[in-house]
Each structure stands twice: as structure tokens, then as C-alpha cells.
Amino acid sequence: MKFNGLRLALATAAYTIASTALVPTGAHAAEYSFTATNGTKSPVTKVLVSENKKDWGYFDIGSGIKPGTTVDLVWDKSTNSESCTQWVKANFADGSESEPAKFDFCEDGLEIEF
């Protein structure tokens, strides 16, 4: 599944997620990953995830995701007890934030574009 077109768009990014993020149930594979592309003109500074749109965890994306860059992100094992379905949004260097969008992170080959 490929997601295109949120103006303050989402582009997920990073190399691993922080312990408060999300991930699939224990009945799934040991490692969950997805691809994130920043299709905007502003660097992504933070990728946030939430099961309920109230409590947000985040991916550690280092210095950010530059425009036009695609990264592979892997969920931290500490999130294995969480739901596969999560809300995602991104913060950008220009101060904007994307609208949250819902994704199934247990889906093989998931690609998100901000």
C-alpha cells in the first residue's frame, strides 16, 4: 500500500522507534518494518505514532529525513504488544505538522509517503 498526498504530509522516517511507539501483536513476525519517503520540500524532524490519537510515541530518526529521501524504519520489540493499526503524523522543519493518517503496520511492504 502506498500513501501519497498529505500536504504537511507524512513521510515516515528513521532507523528505529523509541520505546513508546507502536507495533504489532506478538502473534506476528519478530521484526516489523516499513518504508518512509519524504515527498515534501521540508525535512521531516519527527515521526509520531499513536493507537488512540491522544498518546504519541515517536521514531528516532536521527537528524531527520531530507526531502526526496526514502528510509527503512523498524519497530522496536518493546511495542510488540500494541495493535498493528496505528495513526501516524510527521513534524517538519518549517514548523508544520501533517494530519494523522491510519495505517496497518503488519502489512507486508508498507510504504508511507509524507
PDB file of N, CA and C in Angstrom:
ATOM      1  N   MET A   1       0.856  -1.177   0.000  1.00  0.00           N
ATOM      2  CA  MET A   1       0.000   0.000   0.000  1.00  0.00           C
ATOM      3  C   MET A   1       0.892   1.226   0.000  1.00  0.00           C
ATOM      4  N   LYS A   2       0.599   2.160  -0.831  1.00  0.00           N
ATOM      5  CA  LYS A   2       1.375   3.392  -0.873  1.00  0.00           C
ATOM      6  C   LYS A   2       0.443   4.539  -0.550  1.00  0.00           C
ATOM      7  N   PHE A   3       0.879   5.452   0.308  1.00  0.00           N
ATOM      8  CA  PHE A   3       0.055   6.574   0.714  1.00  0.00           C
ATOM      9  C   PHE A   3       0.708   7.838   0.197  1.00  0.00           C
ATOM     10  N   ASN A   4      -0.005   8.568  -0.629  1.00  0.00           N
ATOM     11  CA  ASN A   4       0.526   9.812  -1.184  1.00  0.00           C
ATOM     12  C   ASN A   4      -0.356  10.973  -0.796  1.00  0.00           C
ATOM     13  N   GLY A   5       0.216  12.139  -0.696  1.00  0.00           N
ATOM     14  CA  GLY A   5      -0.507  13.351  -0.715  1.00  0.00           C
ATOM     15  C   GLY A   5      -1.040  14.014   0.521  1.00  0.00           C
ATOM     16  N   LEU A   6      -0.487  13.953   1.644  1.00  0.00           N
ATOM     17  CA  LEU A   6      -0.925  14.807   2.754  1.00  0.00           C
ATOM     18  C   LEU A   6      -0.065  16.049   2.655  1.00  0.00           C
ATOM     19  N   ARG A   7      -0.656  17.219   2.538  1.00  0.00           N
ATOM     20  CA  ARG A   7       0.187  18.413   2.452  1.00  0.00           C
ATOM     21  C   ARG A   7       1.108  18.382   3.646  1.00  0.00           C
ATOM     22  N   LEU A   8       1.121  18.786   4.550  1.00  0.00           N
ATOM     23  CA  LEU A   8       2.034  18.708   5.666  1.00  0.00           C
ATOM     24  C   LEU A   8       2.395  17.248   5.813  1.00  0.00           C
ATOM     25  N   ALA A   9       2.304  16.605   4.769  1.00  0.00           N
ATOM     26  CA  ALA A   9       2.352  15.178   4.587  1.00  0.00           C
ATOM     27  C   ALA A   9       3.197  14.387   5.543  1.00  0.00           C
ATOM     28  N   LEU A  10       2.926  13.129   5.524  1.00  0.00           N
ATOM     29  CA  LEU A  10       3.661  12.200   6.366  1.00  0.00           C
ATOM     30  C   LEU A  10       4.754  11.572   5.550  1.00  0.00           C
ATOM     31  N   ALA A  11       5.852  11.498   6.061  1.00  0.00           N
ATOM     32  CA  ALA A  11       6.866  10.743   5.382  1.00  0.00           C
ATOM     33  C   ALA A  11       7.516   9.993   6.492  1.00  0.00           C
ATOM     34  N   THR A  12       7.388   8.859   6.688  1.00  0.00           N
ATOM     35  CA  THR A  12       7.927   8.326   7.907  1.00  0.00           C
ATOM     36  C   THR A  12       9.389   8.115   7.765  1.00  0.00           C
ATOM     37  N   ALA A  13      10.016   8.138   8.900  1.00  0.00           N
ATOM     38  CA  ALA A  13      11.416   8.154   8.799  1.00  0.00           C
ATOM     39  C   ALA A  13      12.032   7.566   9.994  1.00  0.00           C
ATOM     40  N   ALA A  14      13.209   7.037   9.770  1.00  0.00           N
ATOM     41  CA  ALA A  14      14.044   6.689  10.866  1.00  0.00           C
ATOM     42  C   ALA A  14      14.630   5.338  10.743  1.00  0.00           C
ATOM     43  N   TYR A  15      15.312   5.039  11.748  1.00  0.00           N
ATOM     44  CA  TYR A  15      16.041   3.785  11.737  1.00  0.00           C
ATOM     45  C   TYR A  15      15.469   2.828  12.758  1.00  0.00           C
ATOM     46  N   THR A  16      14.973   3.318  13.853  1.00  0.00           N
ATOM     47  CA  THR A  16      14.279   2.508  14.844  1.00  0.00           C
ATOM     48  C   THR A  16      13.322   3.406  15.590  1.00  0.00           C
ATOM     49  N   ILE A  17      12.405   2.814  16.332  1.00  0.00           N
ATOM     50  CA  ILE A  17      11.486   3.675  17.034  1.00  0.00           C
ATOM     51  C   ILE A  17      11.790   3.671  18.508  1.00  0.00           C
ATOM     52  N   ALA A  18      11.346   4.721  19.107  1.00  0.00           N
ATOM     53  CA  ALA A  18      11.532   4.840  20.538  1.00  0.00           C
ATOM     54  C   ALA A  18      10.596   3.879  21.235  1.00  0.00           C
ATOM     55  N   SER A  19      10.854   3.599  22.452  1.00  0.00           N
ATOM     56  CA  SER A  19      10.116   2.588  23.183  1.00  0.00           C
ATOM     57  C   SER A  19       8.630   2.867  23.319  1.00  0.00           C
ATOM     58  N   THR A  20       8.193   4.095  23.155  1.00  0.00           N
ATOM     59  CA  THR A  20       6.774   4.376  23.324  1.00  0.00           C
ATOM     60  C   THR A  20       5.985   4.311  22.038  1.00  0.00           C
ATOM     61  N   ALA A  21       6.553   3.909  20.962  1.00  0.00           N
ATOM     62  CA  ALA A  21       5.811   3.882  19.713  1.00  0.00           C
ATOM     63  C   ALA A  21       4.844   2.720  19.668  1.00  0.00           C
ATOM     64  N   LEU A  22       4.666   2.108  18.549  1.00  0.00           N
ATOM     65  CA  LEU A  22       3.681   1.063  18.412  1.00  0.00           C
ATOM     66  C   LEU A  22       4.280  -0.157  17.785  1.00  0.00           C
ATOM     67  N   VAL A  23       3.529  -1.137  17.645  1.00  0.00           N
ATOM     68  CA  VAL A  23       3.824  -2.259  16.793  1.00  0.00           C
ATOM     69  C   VAL A  23       2.819  -3.356  16.971  1.00  0.00           C
ATOM     70  N   PRO A  24       2.963  -4.317  16.119  1.00  0.00           N
ATOM     71  CA  PRO A  24       2.021  -5.406  16.005  1.00  0.00           C
ATOM     72  C   PRO A  24       1.981  -6.350  17.187  1.00  0.00           C
ATOM     73  N   THR A  25       1.026  -7.242  17.099  1.00  0.00           N
ATOM     74  CA  THR A  25       0.816  -8.192  18.174  1.00  0.00           C
ATOM     75  C   THR A  25       1.873  -9.282  18.181  1.00  0.00           C
ATOM     76  N   GLY A  26       2.014  -9.943  19.313  1.00  0.00           N
ATOM     77  CA  GLY A  26       3.017 -10.979  19.482  1.00  0.00           C
ATOM     78  C   GLY A  26       2.843 -12.171  18.569  1.00  0.00           C
ATOM     79  N   ALA A  27       1.716 -12.310  17.917  1.00  0.00           N
ATOM     80  CA  ALA A  27       1.476 -13.446  17.036  1.00  0.00           C
ATOM     81  C   ALA A  27       2.141 -13.271  15.678  1.00  0.00           C
ATOM     82  N   HIS A  28       2.768 -12.137  15.445  1.00  0.00           N
ATOM     83  CA  HIS A  28       3.374 -11.838  14.152  1.00  0.00           C
ATOM     84  C   HIS A  28       4.884 -12.077  14.178  1.00  0.00           C
ATOM     85  N   ALA A  29       5.517 -11.795  13.067  1.00  0.00           N
ATOM     86  CA  ALA A  29       6.959 -11.970  12.937  1.00  0.00           C
ATOM     87  C   ALA A  29       7.715 -11.159  13.978  1.00  0.00           C
ATOM     88  N   ALA A  30       8.982 -11.486  14.150  1.00  0.00           N
ATOM     89  CA  ALA A  30       9.795 -10.860  15.187  1.00  0.00           C
ATOM     90  C   ALA A  30      10.174  -9.423  14.866  1.00  0.00           C
ATOM     91  N   GLU A  31      10.279  -9.056  13.598  1.00  0.00           N
ATOM     92  CA  GLU A  31      10.687  -7.700  13.242  1.00  0.00           C
ATOM     93  C   GLU A  31       9.708  -7.092  12.249  1.00  0.00           C
ATOM     94  N   TYR A  32       9.236  -5.888  12.560  1.00  0.00           N
ATOM     95  CA  TYR A  32       8.292  -5.188  11.701  1.00  0.00           C
ATOM     96  C   TYR A  32       8.976  -3.971  11.122  1.00  0.00           C
ATOM     97  N   SER A  33       8.811  -3.784   9.824  1.00  0.00           N
ATOM     98  CA  SER A  33       9.447  -2.637   9.191  1.00  0.00           C
ATOM     99  C   SER A  33       8.531  -2.085   8.107  1.00  0.00           C
ATOM    100  N   PHE A  34       8.849  -0.873   7.683  1.00  0.00           N
ATOM    101  CA  PHE A  34       8.132  -0.229   6.589  1.00  0.00           C
ATOM    102  C   PHE A  34       9.056   0.799   5.972  1.00  0.00           C
ATOM    103  N   THR A  35       8.666   1.314   4.827  1.00  0.00           N
ATOM    104  CA  THR A  35       9.456   2.300   4.107  1.00  0.00           C
ATOM    105  C   THR A  35       8.762   3.648   4.201  1.00  0.00           C
ATOM    106  N   ALA A  36       9.536   4.687   4.457  1.00  0.00           N
ATOM    107  CA  ALA A  36       9.001   6.043   4.546  1.00  0.00           C
ATOM    108  C   ALA A  36       9.752   6.959   3.584  1.00  0.00           C
ATOM    109  N   THR A  37       8.991   7.756   2.845  1.00  0.00           N
ATOM    110  CA  THR A  37       9.575   8.690   1.886  1.00  0.00           C
ATOM    111  C   THR A  37       9.102  10.101   2.205  1.00  0.00           C
ATOM    112  N   ASN A  38      10.024  11.034   2.204  1.00  0.00           N
ATOM    113  CA  ASN A  38       9.669  12.439   2.384  1.00  0.00           C
ATOM    114  C   ASN A  38       9.497  13.053   0.999  1.00  0.00           C
ATOM    115  N   GLY A  39       8.248  13.214   0.574  1.00  0.00           N
ATOM    116  CA  GLY A  39       7.942  13.797  -0.724  1.00  0.00           C
ATOM    117  C   GLY A  39       7.668  15.288  -0.657  1.00  0.00           C
ATOM    118  N   THR A  40       7.999  15.913   0.483  1.00  0.00           N
ATOM    119  CA  THR A  40       7.765  17.347   0.640  1.00  0.00           C
ATOM    120  C   THR A  40       9.052  18.121   0.397  1.00  0.00           C
ATOM    121  N   LYS A  41       8.971  19.439   0.514  1.00  0.00           N
ATOM    122  CA  LYS A  41      10.139  20.292   0.345  1.00  0.00           C
ATOM    123  C   LYS A  41      10.812  20.629   1.666  1.00  0.00           C
ATOM    124  N   SER A  42      10.244  20.158   2.781  1.00  0.00           N
ATOM    125  CA  SER A  42      10.782  20.452   4.107  1.00  0.00           C
ATOM    126  C   SER A  42      11.238  19.158   4.775  1.00  0.00           C
ATOM    127  N   PRO A  43      12.385  19.178   5.443  1.00  0.00           N
ATOM    128  CA  PRO A  43      12.831  17.977   6.154  1.00  0.00           C
ATOM    129  C   PRO A  43      11.838  17.544   7.236  1.00  0.00           C
ATOM    130  N   VAL A  44      11.662  16.237   7.379  1.00  0.00           N
ATOM    131  CA  VAL A  44      10.862  15.686   8.471  1.00  0.00           C
ATOM    132  C   VAL A  44      11.758  15.685   9.704  1.00  0.00           C
ATOM    133  N   THR A  45      11.264  16.258  10.796  1.00  0.00           N
ATOM    134  CA  THR A  45      12.055  16.308  12.025  1.00  0.00           C
ATOM    135  C   THR A  45      11.595  15.287  13.054  1.00  0.00           C
ATOM    136  N   LYS A  46      10.354  14.809  12.918  1.00  0.00           N
ATOM    137  CA  LYS A  46       9.840  13.832  13.862  1.00  0.00           C
ATOM    138  C   LYS A  46       8.712  13.049  13.212  1.00  0.00           C
ATOM    139  N   VAL A  47       8.683  11.732  13.450  1.00  0.00           N
ATOM    140  CA  VAL A  47       7.592  10.864  13.017  1.00  0.00           C
ATOM    141  C   VAL A  47       6.938  10.334  14.279  1.00  0.00           C
ATOM    142  N   LEU A  48       5.643  10.594  14.415  1.00  0.00           N
ATOM    143  CA  LEU A  48       4.898  10.224  15.615  1.00  0.00           C
ATOM    144  C   LEU A  48       3.854   9.165  15.300  1.00  0.00           C
ATOM    145  N   VAL A  49       3.614   8.254  16.262  1.00  0.00           N
ATOM    146  CA  VAL A  49       2.616   7.198  16.094  1.00  0.00           C
ATOM    147  C   VAL A  49       1.757   7.082  17.342  1.00  0.00           C
ATOM    148  N   SER A  50       0.510   6.657  17.154  1.00  0.00           N
ATOM    149  CA  SER A  50      -0.420   6.539  18.278  1.00  0.00           C
ATOM    150  C   SER A  50      -1.517   5.530  17.952  1.00  0.00           C
ATOM    151  N   GLU A  51      -1.939   4.775  18.953  1.00  0.00           N
ATOM    152  CA  GLU A  51      -3.092   3.886  18.784  1.00  0.00           C
ATOM    153  C   GLU A  51      -4.398   4.673  18.927  1.00  0.00           C
ATOM    154  N   ASN A  52      -4.379   5.754  19.702  1.00  0.00           N
ATOM    155  CA  ASN A  52      -5.626   6.450  20.056  1.00  0.00           C
ATOM    156  C   ASN A  52      -5.674   7.931  19.665  1.00  0.00           C
ATOM    157  N   LYS A  53      -4.667   8.445  18.995  1.00  0.00           N
ATOM    158  CA  LYS A  53      -4.567   9.859  18.602  1.00  0.00           C
ATOM    159  C   LYS A  53      -4.477  10.805  19.803  1.00  0.00           C
ATOM    160  N   LYS A  54      -4.183  10.256  20.988  1.00  0.00           N
ATOM    161  CA  LYS A  54      -4.004  11.092  22.184  1.00  0.00           C
ATOM    162  C   LYS A  54      -2.592  10.951  22.729  1.00  0.00           C
ATOM    163  N   ASP A  55      -2.128   9.711  22.860  1.00  0.00           N
ATOM    164  CA  ASP A  55      -0.802   9.418  23.396  1.00  0.00           C
ATOM    165  C   ASP A  55       0.116   9.072  22.232  1.00  0.00           C
ATOM    166  N   TRP A  56       1.131   9.914  22.006  1.00  0.00           N
ATOM    167  CA  TRP A  56       2.006   9.753  20.840  1.00  0.00           C
ATOM    168  C   TRP A  56       3.392   9.286  21.238  1.00  0.00           C
ATOM    169  N   GLY A  57       3.884   8.265  20.550  1.00  0.00           N
ATOM    170  CA  GLY A  57       5.264   7.826  20.643  1.00  0.00           C
ATOM    171  C   GLY A  57       5.973   8.317  19.397  1.00  0.00           C
ATOM    172  N   TYR A  58       7.251   8.072  19.284  1.00  0.00           N
ATOM    173  CA  TYR A  58       7.973   8.590  18.125  1.00  0.00           C
ATOM    174  C   TYR A  58       9.083   7.646  17.690  1.00  0.00           C
ATOM    175  N   PHE A  59       9.478   7.787  16.441  1.00  0.00           N
ATOM    176  CA  PHE A  59      10.619   7.069  15.887  1.00  0.00           C
ATOM    177  C   PHE A  59      11.852   7.933  16.076  1.00  0.00           C
ATOM    178  N   ASP A  60      12.963   7.298  16.363  1.00  0.00           N
ATOM    179  CA  ASP A  60      14.235   8.009  16.412  1.00  0.00           C
ATOM    180  C   ASP A  60      14.725   8.110  14.972  1.00  0.00           C
ATOM    181  N   ILE A  61      14.624   9.295  14.405  1.00  0.00           N
ATOM    182  CA  ILE A  61      15.034   9.479  13.012  1.00  0.00           C
ATOM    183  C   ILE A  61      16.330  10.275  12.904  1.00  0.00           C
ATOM    184  N   GLY A  62      17.089  10.281  13.972  1.00  0.00           N
ATOM    185  CA  GLY A  62      18.367  10.976  13.937  1.00  0.00           C
ATOM    186  C   GLY A  62      18.187  12.440  13.613  1.00  0.00           C
ATOM    187  N   SER A  63      18.901  12.923  12.629  1.00  0.00           N
ATOM    188  CA  SER A  63      18.826  14.341  12.264  1.00  0.00           C
ATOM    189  C   SER A  63      17.657  14.644  11.334  1.00  0.00           C
ATOM    190  N   GLY A  64      16.821  13.670  11.056  1.00  0.00           N
ATOM    191  CA  GLY A  64      15.633  13.903  10.239  1.00  0.00           C
ATOM    192  C   GLY A  64      15.668  13.172   8.913  1.00  0.00           C
ATOM    193  N   ILE A  65      14.621  13.406   8.133  1.00  0.00           N
ATOM    194  CA  ILE A  65      14.524  12.807   6.792  1.00  0.00           C
ATOM    195  C   ILE A  65      14.467  13.954   5.785  1.00  0.00           C
ATOM    196  N   LYS A  66      15.483  14.025   4.962  1.00  0.00           N
ATOM    197  CA  LYS A  66      15.578  15.099   3.975  1.00  0.00           C
ATOM    198  C   LYS A  66      14.546  14.916   2.867  1.00  0.00           C
ATOM    199  N   PRO A  67      14.127  16.020   2.245  1.00  0.00           N
ATOM    200  CA  PRO A  67      13.199  15.933   1.120  1.00  0.00           C
ATOM    201  C   PRO A  67      13.741  14.986   0.040  1.00  0.00           C
ATOM    202  N   GLY A  68      12.864  14.159  -0.504  1.00  0.00           N
ATOM    203  CA  GLY A  68      13.263  13.233  -1.560  1.00  0.00           C
ATOM    204  C   GLY A  68      13.935  11.965  -1.076  1.00  0.00           C
ATOM    205  N   THR A  69      14.093  11.817   0.228  1.00  0.00           N
ATOM    206  CA  THR A  69      14.788  10.663   0.790  1.00  0.00           C
ATOM    207  C   THR A  69      13.799   9.586   1.225  1.00  0.00           C
ATOM    208  N   THR A  70      14.188   8.326   1.022  1.00  0.00           N
ATOM    209  CA  THR A  70      13.418   7.176   1.486  1.00  0.00           C
ATOM    210  C   THR A  70      14.248   6.422   2.508  1.00  0.00           C
ATOM    211  N   VAL A  71      13.621   6.042   3.614  1.00  0.00           N
ATOM    212  CA  VAL A  71      14.311   5.296   4.664  1.00  0.00           C
ATOM    213  C   VAL A  71      13.492   4.065   5.050  1.00  0.00           C
ATOM    214  N   ASP A  72      14.163   3.064   5.560  1.00  0.00           N
ATOM    215  CA  ASP A  72      13.505   1.892   6.111  1.00  0.00           C
ATOM    216  C   ASP A  72      13.451   2.073   7.616  1.00  0.00           C
ATOM    217  N   LEU A  73      12.279   1.853   8.186  1.00  0.00           N
ATOM    218  CA  LEU A  73      12.090   2.001   9.621  1.00  0.00           C
ATOM    219  C   LEU A  73      11.695   0.666  10.217  1.00  0.00           C
ATOM    220  N   VAL A  74      12.229   0.384  11.390  1.00  0.00           N
ATOM    221  CA  VAL A  74      11.949  -0.869  12.073  1.00  0.00           C
ATOM    222  C   VAL A  74      11.365  -0.556  13.437  1.00  0.00           C
ATOM    223  N   TRP A  75      10.263  -1.234  13.774  1.00  0.00           N
ATOM    224  CA  TRP A  75       9.635  -1.049  15.081  1.00  0.00           C
ATOM    225  C   TRP A  75      10.478  -1.685  16.177  1.00  0.00           C
ATOM    226  N   ASP A  76      10.514  -1.059  17.316  1.00  0.00           N
ATOM    227  CA  ASP A  76      11.200  -1.595  18.482  1.00  0.00           C
ATOM    228  C   ASP A  76      10.391  -2.771  19.039  1.00  0.00           C
ATOM    229  N   LYS A  77      11.064  -3.837  19.475  1.00  0.00           N
ATOM    230  CA  LYS A  77      10.380  -5.020  20.010  1.00  0.00           C
ATOM    231  C   LYS A  77       9.521  -4.698  21.226  1.00  0.00           C
ATOM    232  N   SER A  78       9.827  -3.625  21.936  1.00  0.00           N
ATOM    233  CA  SER A  78       9.052  -3.267  23.132  1.00  0.00           C
ATOM    234  C   SER A  78       7.610  -2.902  22.783  1.00  0.00           C
ATOM    235  N   THR A  79       7.325  -2.689  21.519  1.00  0.00           N
ATOM    236  CA  THR A  79       5.974  -2.310  21.097  1.00  0.00           C
ATOM    237  C   THR A  79       5.169  -3.495  20.574  1.00  0.00           C
ATOM    238  N   ASN A  80       5.700  -4.690  20.661  1.00  0.00           N
ATOM    239  CA  ASN A  80       5.050  -5.872  20.089  1.00  0.00           C
ATOM    240  C   ASN A  80       3.668  -6.169  20.649  1.00  0.00           C
ATOM    241  N   SER A  81       3.328  -5.654  21.813  1.00  0.00           N
ATOM    242  CA  SER A  81       2.010  -5.915  22.390  1.00  0.00           C
ATOM    243  C   SER A  81       0.957  -4.925  21.905  1.00  0.00           C
ATOM    244  N   GLU A  82       1.359  -3.953  21.110  1.00  0.00           N
ATOM    245  CA  GLU A  82       0.423  -2.953  20.614  1.00  0.00           C
ATOM    246  C   GLU A  82      -0.248  -3.403  19.323  1.00  0.00           C
ATOM    247  N   SER A  83      -1.292  -2.713  18.958  1.00  0.00           N
ATOM    248  CA  SER A  83      -2.068  -3.005  17.761  1.00  0.00           C
ATOM    249  C   SER A  83      -1.264  -2.738  16.492  1.00  0.00           C
ATOM    250  N   CYS A  84      -1.564  -3.483  15.443  1.00  0.00           N
ATOM    251  CA  CYS A  84      -0.940  -3.242  14.134  1.00  0.00           C
ATOM    252  C   CYS A  84      -1.426  -1.932  13.526  1.00  0.00           C
ATOM    253  N   THR A  85      -2.656  -1.557  13.851  1.00  0.00           N
ATOM    254  CA  THR A  85      -3.253  -0.354  13.287  1.00  0.00           C
ATOM    255  C   THR A  85      -2.899   0.842  14.159  1.00  0.00           C
ATOM    256  N   GLN A  86      -2.223   1.812  13.549  1.00  0.00           N
ATOM    257  CA  GLN A  86      -1.741   2.975  14.277  1.00  0.00           C
ATOM    258  C   GLN A  86      -1.955   4.241  13.444  1.00  0.00           C
ATOM    259  N   TRP A  87      -2.063   5.352  14.126  1.00  0.00           N
ATOM    260  CA  TRP A  87      -2.105   6.672  13.494  1.00  0.00           C
ATOM    261  C   TRP A  87      -0.670   7.175  13.363  1.00  0.00           C
ATOM    262  N   VAL A  88      -0.373   7.855  12.278  1.00  0.00           N
ATOM    263  CA  VAL A  88       0.966   8.380  12.024  1.00  0.00           C
ATOM    264  C   VAL A  88       0.850   9.838  11.593  1.00  0.00           C
ATOM    265  N   LYS A  89       1.776  10.652  12.073  1.00  0.00           N
ATOM    266  CA  LYS A  89       1.879  12.033  11.598  1.00  0.00           C
ATOM    267  C   LYS A  89       3.348  12.437  11.648  1.00  0.00           C
ATOM    268  N   ALA A  90       3.675  13.494  10.936  1.00  0.00           N
ATOM    269  CA  ALA A  90       5.061  13.958  10.875  1.00  0.00           C
ATOM    270  C   ALA A  90       5.135  15.439  11.231  1.00  0.00           C
ATOM    271  N   ASN A  91       6.239  15.812  11.854  1.00  0.00           N
ATOM    272  CA  ASN A  91       6.571  17.219  12.091  1.00  0.00           C
ATOM    273  C   ASN A  91       7.675  17.589  11.105  1.00  0.00           C
ATOM    274  N   PHE A  92       7.609  18.825  10.603  1.00  0.00           N
ATOM    275  CA  PHE A  92       8.555  19.277   9.596  1.00  0.00           C
ATOM    276  C   PHE A  92       9.388  20.454  10.101  1.00  0.00           C
ATOM    277  N   ALA A  93      10.548  20.635   9.482  1.00  0.00           N
ATOM    278  CA  ALA A  93      11.474  21.700   9.870  1.00  0.00           C
ATOM    279  C   ALA A  93      10.859  23.085   9.719  1.00  0.00           C
ATOM    280  N   ASP A  94       9.887  23.244   8.828  1.00  0.00           N
ATOM    281  CA  ASP A  94       9.266  24.554   8.632  1.00  0.00           C
ATOM    282  C   ASP A  94       8.192  24.858   9.688  1.00  0.00           C
ATOM    283  N   GLY A  95       8.037  23.946  10.684  1.00  0.00           N
ATOM    284  CA  GLY A  95       7.078  24.161  11.761  1.00  0.00           C
ATOM    285  C   GLY A  95       5.705  23.551  11.510  1.00  0.00           C
ATOM    286  N   SER A  96       5.484  23.012  10.322  1.00  0.00           N
ATOM    287  CA  SER A  96       4.188  22.407  10.024  1.00  0.00           C
ATOM    288  C   SER A  96       4.116  20.971  10.539  1.00  0.00           C
ATOM    289  N   GLU A  97       2.886  20.453  10.565  1.00  0.00           N
ATOM    290  CA  GLU A  97       2.646  19.084  11.014  1.00  0.00           C
ATOM    291  C   GLU A  97       1.610  18.462  10.081  1.00  0.00           C
ATOM    292  N   SER A  98       1.813  17.222   9.715  1.00  0.00           N
ATOM    293  CA  SER A  98       0.858  16.539   8.844  1.00  0.00           C
ATOM    294  C   SER A  98      -0.382  16.143   9.635  1.00  0.00           C
ATOM    295  N   GLU A  99      -1.466  15.926   8.918  1.00  0.00           N
ATOM    296  CA  GLU A  99      -2.675  15.385   9.525  1.00  0.00           C
ATOM    297  C   GLU A  99      -2.407  13.916   9.832  1.00  0.00           C
ATOM    298  N   PRO A 100      -2.899  13.398  10.943  1.00  0.00           N
ATOM    299  CA  PRO A 100      -2.712  11.968  11.232  1.00  0.00           C
ATOM    300  C   PRO A 100      -3.422  11.105  10.184  1.00  0.00           C
ATOM    301  N   ALA A 101      -2.797  10.011   9.822  1.00  0.00           N
ATOM    302  CA  ALA A 101      -3.380   9.038   8.893  1.00  0.00           C
ATOM    303  C   ALA A 101      -3.200   7.652   9.495  1.00  0.00           C
ATOM    304  N   LYS A 102      -4.169   6.772   9.280  1.00  0.00           N
ATOM    305  CA  LYS A 102      -4.161   5.447   9.888  1.00  0.00           C
ATOM    306  C   LYS A 102      -3.553   4.419   8.934  1.00  0.00           C
ATOM    307  N   PHE A 103      -2.666   3.561   9.482  1.00  0.00           N
ATOM    308  CA  PHE A 103      -2.002   2.523   8.694  1.00  0.00           C
ATOM    309  C   PHE A 103      -1.990   1.209   9.454  1.00  0.00           C
ATOM    310  N   ASP A 104      -1.918   0.098   8.702  1.00  0.00           N
ATOM    311  CA  ASP A 104      -1.759  -1.237   9.277  1.00  0.00           C
ATOM    312  C   ASP A 104      -0.293  -1.617   9.117  1.00  0.00           C
ATOM    313  N   PHE A 105       0.453  -1.557  10.197  1.00  0.00           N
ATOM    314  CA  PHE A 105       1.889  -1.801  10.144  1.00  0.00           C
ATOM    315  C   PHE A 105       2.249  -3.277  10.078  1.00  0.00           C
ATOM    316  N   CYS A 106       1.270  -4.167  10.157  1.00  0.00           N
ATOM    317  CA  CYS A 106       1.524  -5.595   9.967  1.00  0.00           C
ATOM    318  C   CYS A 106       1.513  -5.950   8.479  1.00  0.00           C
ATOM    319  N   GLU A 107       1.089  -5.015   7.650  1.00  0.00           N
ATOM    320  CA  GLU A 107       1.021  -5.229   6.209  1.00  0.00           C
ATOM    321  C   GLU A 107       2.432  -5.349   5.626  1.00  0.00           C
ATOM    322  N   ASP A 108       2.668  -6.399   4.869  1.00  0.00           N
ATOM    323  CA  ASP A 108       3.973  -6.574   4.213  1.00  0.00           C
ATOM    324  C   ASP A 108       4.162  -5.505   3.153  1.00  0.00           C
ATOM    325  N   GLY A 109       5.367  -4.957   3.088  1.00  0.00           N
ATOM    326  CA  GLY A 109       5.693  -3.987   2.061  1.00  0.00           C
ATOM    327  C   GLY A 109       5.049  -2.615   2.227  1.00  0.00           C
ATOM    328  N   LEU A 110       4.654  -2.272   3.444  1.00  0.00           N
ATOM    329  CA  LEU A 110       4.015  -0.972   3.665  1.00  0.00           C
ATOM    330  C   LEU A 110       4.967   0.168   3.303  1.00  0.00           C
ATOM    331  N   GLU A 111       4.459   1.107   2.524  1.00  0.00           N
ATOM    332  CA  GLU A 111       5.200   2.309   2.140  1.00  0.00           C
ATOM    333  C   GLU A 111       4.364   3.513   2.510  1.00  0.00           C
ATOM    334  N   ILE A 112       4.996   4.476   3.173  1.00  0.00           N
ATOM    335  CA  ILE A 112       4.305   5.708   3.531  1.00  0.00           C
ATOM    336  C   ILE A 112       5.076   6.868   2.928  1.00  0.00           C
ATOM    337  N   GLU A 113       4.345   7.783   2.311  1.00  0.00           N
ATOM    338  CA  GLU A 113       4.977   8.982   1.755  1.00  0.00           C
ATOM    339  C   GLU A 113       4.353  10.212   2.390  1.00  0.00           C
ATOM    340  N   PHE A 114       5.212  11.078   2.927  1.00  0.00           N
ATOM    341  CA  PHE A 114       4.745  12.334   3.517  1.00  0.00           C
ATOM    342  C   PHE A 114       4.816  13.436   2.499  1.00  0.00           C
TER     343      PHE A 114
END
